[in-house]
Amino acid sequence: MTLGPLDLGPHAGFILGAYAFTALVIAGLIGHAMRDRRAQTRALAALQDPSQPASRSSAERRA
């Protein structure tokens, strides 16, 4: 298989498949990082929301 001046030889399928798989893995990692960032931002906003009562310390829970 030839791609213009780039001749990948008989292993072209393996090479292109490896690049495609790598691109999918990297895209998945980026997507996961974006979803996790949104979740962490929501969790932090919930902790900083003044309308919710502050969490009690462990000593107050035991009393």
N, C-alpha and C. Protein backbone atom coordinates (compact mmCIF):
# COMPACT_ATOMS: atom_id res chain seq x y z
N MET A 1 0.86 -1.18 0.00
CA MET A 1 0.00 0.00 0.00
C MET A 1 0.89 1.23 0.00
N THR A 2 0.63 2.12 -0.92
CA THR A 2 1.41 3.35 -0.98
C THR A 2 0.49 4.54 -0.72
N LEU A 3 1.00 5.46 0.03
CA LEU A 3 0.29 6.70 0.32
C LEU A 3 1.14 7.85 -0.18
N GLY A 4 1.06 8.11 -1.46
CA GLY A 4 1.89 9.15 -2.05
C GLY A 4 3.35 8.73 -1.96
N PRO A 5 4.21 9.62 -1.50
CA PRO A 5 5.63 9.28 -1.40
C PRO A 5 5.94 8.34 -0.22
N LEU A 6 4.95 8.07 0.62
CA LEU A 6 5.16 7.23 1.79
C LEU A 6 4.78 5.79 1.46
N ASP A 7 5.78 4.92 1.36
CA ASP A 7 5.52 3.51 1.05
C ASP A 7 5.64 2.72 2.36
N LEU A 8 4.52 2.16 2.82
CA LEU A 8 4.52 1.43 4.08
C LEU A 8 4.82 -0.05 3.89
N GLY A 9 4.89 -0.48 2.68
CA GLY A 9 5.25 -1.86 2.40
C GLY A 9 4.15 -2.83 2.76
N PRO A 10 4.51 -4.10 2.96
CA PRO A 10 3.52 -5.13 3.21
C PRO A 10 2.87 -5.03 4.59
N HIS A 11 3.41 -4.23 5.46
CA HIS A 11 2.89 -4.10 6.83
C HIS A 11 2.00 -2.87 7.00
N ALA A 12 1.53 -2.32 5.90
CA ALA A 12 0.75 -1.08 5.94
C ALA A 12 -0.50 -1.24 6.80
N GLY A 13 -1.19 -2.36 6.68
CA GLY A 13 -2.40 -2.56 7.47
C GLY A 13 -2.12 -2.53 8.95
N PHE A 14 -1.05 -3.19 9.36
CA PHE A 14 -0.68 -3.21 10.78
C PHE A 14 -0.30 -1.81 11.26
N ILE A 15 0.49 -1.11 10.47
CA ILE A 15 0.95 0.22 10.86
C ILE A 15 -0.22 1.18 10.99
N LEU A 16 -1.09 1.20 9.97
CA LEU A 16 -2.24 2.11 10.02
C LEU A 16 -3.21 1.71 11.12
N GLY A 17 -3.38 0.42 11.33
CA GLY A 17 -4.24 -0.04 12.42
C GLY A 17 -3.71 0.38 13.78
N ALA A 18 -2.39 0.30 13.95
CA ALA A 18 -1.78 0.70 15.21
C ALA A 18 -1.97 2.20 15.45
N TYR A 19 -1.80 2.98 14.40
CA TYR A 19 -2.02 4.42 14.54
C TYR A 19 -3.48 4.72 14.86
N ALA A 20 -4.41 4.03 14.21
CA ALA A 20 -5.83 4.25 14.46
C ALA A 20 -6.19 3.86 15.89
N PHE A 21 -5.68 2.72 16.36
CA PHE A 21 -5.95 2.28 17.73
C PHE A 21 -5.39 3.28 18.73
N THR A 22 -4.19 3.77 18.48
CA THR A 22 -3.57 4.75 19.37
C THR A 22 -4.39 6.03 19.41
N ALA A 23 -4.88 6.47 18.25
CA ALA A 23 -5.70 7.68 18.21
C ALA A 23 -6.99 7.48 19.01
N LEU A 24 -7.60 6.29 18.91
CA LEU A 24 -8.82 6.03 19.67
C LEU A 24 -8.56 6.02 21.18
N VAL A 25 -7.45 5.42 21.59
CA VAL A 25 -7.11 5.38 23.01
C VAL A 25 -6.87 6.79 23.54
N ILE A 26 -6.13 7.60 22.80
CA ILE A 26 -5.85 8.97 23.24
C ILE A 26 -7.14 9.77 23.29
N ALA A 27 -8.03 9.60 22.30
CA ALA A 27 -9.31 10.31 22.32
C ALA A 27 -10.14 9.87 23.52
N GLY A 28 -10.11 8.58 23.84
CA GLY A 28 -10.83 8.10 25.02
C GLY A 28 -10.29 8.68 26.31
N LEU A 29 -8.98 8.77 26.41
CA LEU A 29 -8.37 9.35 27.61
C LEU A 29 -8.72 10.83 27.75
N ILE A 30 -8.72 11.54 26.64
CA ILE A 30 -9.10 12.96 26.69
C ILE A 30 -10.56 13.10 27.09
N GLY A 31 -11.43 12.27 26.52
CA GLY A 31 -12.85 12.31 26.87
C GLY A 31 -13.07 12.00 28.34
N HIS A 32 -12.36 10.99 28.85
CA HIS A 32 -12.49 10.65 30.26
C HIS A 32 -12.02 11.80 31.15
N ALA A 33 -10.93 12.43 30.79
CA ALA A 33 -10.43 13.56 31.58
C ALA A 33 -11.42 14.72 31.58
N MET A 34 -12.06 14.96 30.44
CA MET A 34 -13.05 16.05 30.37
C MET A 34 -14.27 15.73 31.23
N ARG A 35 -14.76 14.48 31.17
CA ARG A 35 -15.91 14.10 32.00
C ARG A 35 -15.56 14.17 33.48
N ASP A 36 -14.36 13.72 33.84
CA ASP A 36 -13.95 13.74 35.24
C ASP A 36 -13.81 15.17 35.74
N ARG A 37 -13.29 16.05 34.90
CA ARG A 37 -13.15 17.46 35.30
C ARG A 37 -14.51 18.07 35.59
N ARG A 38 -15.50 17.79 34.72
CA ARG A 38 -16.85 18.31 34.96
C ARG A 38 -17.42 17.77 36.26
N ALA A 39 -17.21 16.48 36.52
CA ALA A 39 -17.73 15.89 37.75
C ALA A 39 -17.06 16.49 38.98
N GLN A 40 -15.75 16.69 38.91
CA GLN A 40 -15.03 17.28 40.04
C GLN A 40 -15.45 18.72 40.26
N THR A 41 -15.69 19.46 39.17
CA THR A 41 -16.14 20.85 39.30
C THR A 41 -17.51 20.90 39.97
N ARG A 42 -18.43 19.98 39.58
CA ARG A 42 -19.75 19.94 40.22
C ARG A 42 -19.62 19.58 41.69
N ALA A 43 -18.76 18.62 42.02
CA ALA A 43 -18.60 18.21 43.41
C ALA A 43 -18.02 19.36 44.25
N LEU A 44 -17.07 20.08 43.69
CA LEU A 44 -16.48 21.20 44.41
C LEU A 44 -17.51 22.32 44.60
N ALA A 45 -18.31 22.57 43.58
CA ALA A 45 -19.35 23.60 43.71
C ALA A 45 -20.36 23.22 44.78
N ALA A 46 -20.69 21.94 44.87
CA ALA A 46 -21.62 21.49 45.91
C ALA A 46 -21.02 21.67 47.30
N LEU A 47 -19.75 21.46 47.43
CA LEU A 47 -19.09 21.64 48.73
C LEU A 47 -19.00 23.11 49.12
N GLN A 48 -18.91 23.99 48.12
CA GLN A 48 -18.76 25.41 48.40
C GLN A 48 -20.10 26.14 48.46
N ASP A 49 -21.21 25.45 48.20
CA ASP A 49 -22.54 26.07 48.18
C ASP A 49 -22.93 26.46 49.61
N PRO A 50 -23.11 27.77 49.87
CA PRO A 50 -23.44 28.20 51.24
C PRO A 50 -24.86 27.83 51.66
N SER A 51 -25.72 27.47 50.74
CA SER A 51 -27.09 27.13 51.12
C SER A 51 -27.18 25.75 51.77
N GLN A 52 -26.16 24.93 51.58
CA GLN A 52 -26.15 23.62 52.21
C GLN A 52 -25.44 23.71 53.55
N PRO A 53 -25.92 22.99 54.56
CA PRO A 53 -25.25 23.05 55.86
C PRO A 53 -23.84 22.46 55.77
N ALA A 54 -22.96 23.02 56.56
CA ALA A 54 -21.58 22.53 56.57
C ALA A 54 -21.54 21.13 57.15
N SER A 55 -20.64 20.32 56.65
CA SER A 55 -20.54 18.96 57.18
C SER A 55 -19.94 19.00 58.58
N ARG A 56 -20.39 18.09 59.41
CA ARG A 56 -19.90 18.05 60.78
C ARG A 56 -18.56 17.35 60.85
N SER A 57 -17.78 17.69 61.85
CA SER A 57 -16.50 17.02 62.03
C SER A 57 -16.75 15.63 62.60
N SER A 58 -15.75 14.78 62.56
CA SER A 58 -15.92 13.42 63.05
C SER A 58 -16.16 13.41 64.56
N ALA A 59 -15.61 14.38 65.30
CA ALA A 59 -15.84 14.45 66.74
C ALA A 59 -17.30 14.80 67.03
N GLU A 60 -17.90 15.68 66.23
CA GLU A 60 -19.30 16.05 66.44
C GLU A 60 -20.22 14.87 66.12
N ARG A 61 -19.84 14.04 65.15
CA ARG A 61 -20.68 12.91 64.79
C ARG A 61 -20.70 11.85 65.89
N ARG A 62 -19.60 11.72 66.61
CA ARG A 62 -19.52 10.71 67.68
C ARG A 62 -20.30 11.14 68.91
N ALA A 63 -20.48 12.44 69.11
CA ALA A 63 -21.15 12.93 70.33
C ALA A 63 -22.64 12.70 70.30
